[in-house]
N, C-alpha and C. Protein backbone atom coordinates (compact mmCIF):
# COMPACT_ATOMS: atom_id res chain seq x y z
N ALA A 1 217.99 112.68 102.12
CA ALA A 1 218.38 111.90 100.89
C ALA A 1 219.80 111.76 101.34
N GLN A 2 220.68 112.69 101.48
CA GLN A 2 222.20 112.28 100.97
C GLN A 2 222.88 111.56 102.57
N THR A 3 222.09 112.05 103.34
CA THR A 3 222.39 111.00 104.85
C THR A 3 222.32 109.41 104.26
N GLY A 4 220.92 109.25 103.64
CA GLY A 4 220.59 108.00 104.01
C GLY A 4 221.65 107.18 102.88
N ILE A 5 222.11 107.82 101.97
CA ILE A 5 222.77 107.54 100.63
C ILE A 5 224.15 107.22 101.18
N LYS A 6 224.84 108.25 102.45
CA LYS A 6 226.30 108.13 102.87
C LYS A 6 226.50 106.99 103.76
N VAL A 7 225.15 106.49 104.38
CA VAL A 7 225.15 105.47 105.59
C VAL A 7 224.96 104.07 104.75
N LEU A 8 224.41 104.38 103.73
CA LEU A 8 224.27 102.86 103.22
C LEU A 8 225.70 102.69 102.41
N ALA A 9 226.36 103.60 101.71
CA ALA A 9 228.02 103.63 101.55
C ALA A 9 228.44 102.95 102.81
N MET A 10 228.44 103.40 103.54
CA MET A 10 229.26 103.48 104.60
C MET A 10 229.34 101.61 105.49
N LEU A 11 227.93 101.05 105.22
CA LEU A 11 227.04 99.71 105.32
C LEU A 11 228.04 98.60 104.20
N GLY A 12 228.55 99.53 103.19
CA GLY A 12 228.68 98.71 102.10
C GLY A 12 227.45 98.13 101.32
N GLN A 13 225.98 98.83 101.43
CA GLN A 13 224.82 98.81 100.87
C GLN A 13 224.46 99.33 99.98
N GLU A 14 225.36 100.17 98.88
CA GLU A 14 224.85 100.84 98.07
C GLU A 14 223.90 100.90 97.04
N HIS A 15 223.60 99.50 96.97
CA HIS A 15 222.63 99.13 95.87
C HIS A 15 221.33 98.86 96.45
N ASP A 16 221.39 98.99 97.77
CA ASP A 16 220.18 99.03 98.59
C ASP A 16 218.96 99.85 98.43
N GLU A 17 217.73 99.57 99.10
CA GLU A 17 217.04 101.03 99.26
C GLU A 17 216.31 100.85 100.23
N VAL A 18 215.75 102.26 100.44
CA VAL A 18 215.43 102.99 101.93
C VAL A 18 214.48 103.66 101.33
N GLY A 19 213.17 103.42 101.67
CA GLY A 19 211.76 104.40 101.84
C GLY A 19 211.48 104.85 103.17
N VAL A 20 211.12 106.18 103.11
CA VAL A 20 210.51 106.93 104.45
C VAL A 20 209.21 107.48 103.95
N THR A 21 208.03 107.09 104.60
CA THR A 21 206.79 107.71 104.46
C THR A 21 206.61 108.58 105.63
N LEU A 22 205.95 109.85 105.33
CA LEU A 22 205.40 110.52 107.08
C LEU A 22 203.82 110.24 107.01
N VAL A 23 203.23 109.62 107.63
CA VAL A 23 202.13 110.14 107.91
C VAL A 23 201.57 110.48 109.37
N THR A 24 200.06 110.46 109.47
CA THR A 24 199.10 111.13 110.33
C THR A 24 199.11 109.75 111.01
N ASP A 25 199.01 110.14 112.34
CA ASP A 25 198.81 109.11 113.82
C ASP A 25 197.53 108.39 113.19
N ALA A 26 196.54 108.70 112.86
CA ALA A 26 195.53 108.06 112.10
C ALA A 26 195.52 106.90 111.13
N ASP A 27 196.51 107.38 109.98
CA ASP A 27 197.03 106.71 109.04
C ASP A 27 197.84 105.47 109.76
N MET A 28 198.98 106.09 110.35
CA MET A 28 199.76 105.04 111.00
C MET A 28 199.05 103.55 111.71
N GLN A 29 197.59 104.29 112.52
CA GLN A 29 197.13 103.16 113.26
C GLN A 29 196.50 102.56 112.33
N GLN A 30 195.93 103.12 111.36
CA GLN A 30 195.40 102.18 110.07
C GLN A 30 196.16 101.08 109.83
N MET A 31 197.36 101.57 109.21
CA MET A 31 198.35 100.61 108.69
C MET A 31 198.52 99.47 109.94
N ASN A 32 199.05 99.93 110.83
CA ASN A 32 199.45 99.04 112.30
C ASN A 32 198.24 97.87 112.27
N ARG A 33 196.68 98.61 112.42
CA ARG A 33 195.97 97.45 112.46
C ARG A 33 196.03 96.71 111.33
N GLU A 34 196.33 97.00 109.98
CA GLU A 34 196.07 96.19 108.45
C GLU A 34 197.14 95.12 108.56
N HIS A 35 198.31 95.61 108.95
CA HIS A 35 199.71 95.02 108.77
C HIS A 35 200.16 93.83 110.01
N ARG A 36 199.55 94.47 111.25
CA ARG A 36 200.35 93.75 112.38
C ARG A 36 198.87 93.06 113.24
N GLY A 37 197.82 93.82 113.02
CA GLY A 37 196.71 93.59 113.82
C GLY A 37 196.91 94.02 115.16
N ILE A 38 197.51 95.19 115.04
CA ILE A 38 197.29 95.85 116.70
C ILE A 38 196.37 97.55 116.36
N ASP A 39 195.46 97.42 116.86
CA ASP A 39 194.91 98.71 116.69
C ASP A 39 195.27 100.07 117.52
N ALA A 40 196.37 100.48 117.32
CA ALA A 40 197.25 101.72 118.18
C ALA A 40 198.28 102.18 117.08
N PRO A 41 198.67 103.54 117.10
CA PRO A 41 199.50 104.10 116.26
C PRO A 41 200.71 103.47 116.79
N THR A 42 202.06 103.70 116.10
CA THR A 42 202.97 103.18 116.46
C THR A 42 204.01 103.90 115.98
N ASP A 43 205.25 104.15 116.41
CA ASP A 43 206.18 105.06 115.98
C ASP A 43 206.68 104.75 114.25
N VAL A 44 207.40 103.32 114.18
CA VAL A 44 207.49 102.75 113.13
C VAL A 44 207.03 101.74 112.49
N LEU A 45 206.71 101.36 111.38
CA LEU A 45 206.68 100.29 111.00
C LEU A 45 207.46 100.06 109.40
N SER A 46 207.82 98.63 109.41
CA SER A 46 209.21 98.63 108.43
C SER A 46 208.21 97.57 108.30
N PHE A 47 209.11 97.29 106.27
CA PHE A 47 208.42 96.12 105.60
C PHE A 47 209.85 95.40 104.70
N ALA A 48 210.20 94.20 104.68
CA ALA A 48 210.70 93.73 103.77
C ALA A 48 210.86 94.31 102.37
N LEU A 49 211.80 94.20 101.76
CA LEU A 49 211.64 94.43 100.17
C LEU A 49 211.15 93.34 99.58
N ASP A 50 210.22 93.59 98.84
CA ASP A 50 209.86 91.97 97.96
C ASP A 50 209.78 92.27 96.37
N ASP A 51 210.63 92.19 95.70
CA ASP A 51 210.32 92.16 94.41
C ASP A 51 209.16 91.69 93.68
N ASP A 52 208.29 90.74 93.96
CA ASP A 52 207.18 90.11 93.46
C ASP A 52 206.29 90.81 94.49
N ALA A 53 206.17 91.91 95.47
CA ALA A 53 205.41 92.36 96.27
C ALA A 53 204.74 93.41 95.39
N PRO A 54 203.01 93.28 95.26
CA PRO A 54 201.94 94.13 94.37
C PRO A 54 201.73 95.58 95.09
N GLY A 55 202.40 96.33 94.33
CA GLY A 55 201.90 97.93 94.45
C GLY A 55 202.73 98.50 95.90
N ASP A 56 201.98 99.48 96.40
CA ASP A 56 202.43 100.46 97.55
C ASP A 56 202.01 99.78 98.85
N VAL A 57 202.62 100.14 99.68
CA VAL A 57 202.33 99.73 100.88
C VAL A 57 200.72 100.77 101.43
N ALA A 58 201.03 101.57 101.24
CA ALA A 58 200.40 102.98 101.40
C ALA A 58 199.21 102.90 100.65
């Protein structure tokens, strides 16, 4: 967490947010299928922060 805070500060983005969620390959495959239409696991999924978005992605 501290490293992320330092990186944001170095980029001049002290007020931005970064979230990290660790999931199993099966969960990642399901999320990739739901959000990208690709039925396979992937290394990273990223989502833009939208203040109007309902609830969590996971």
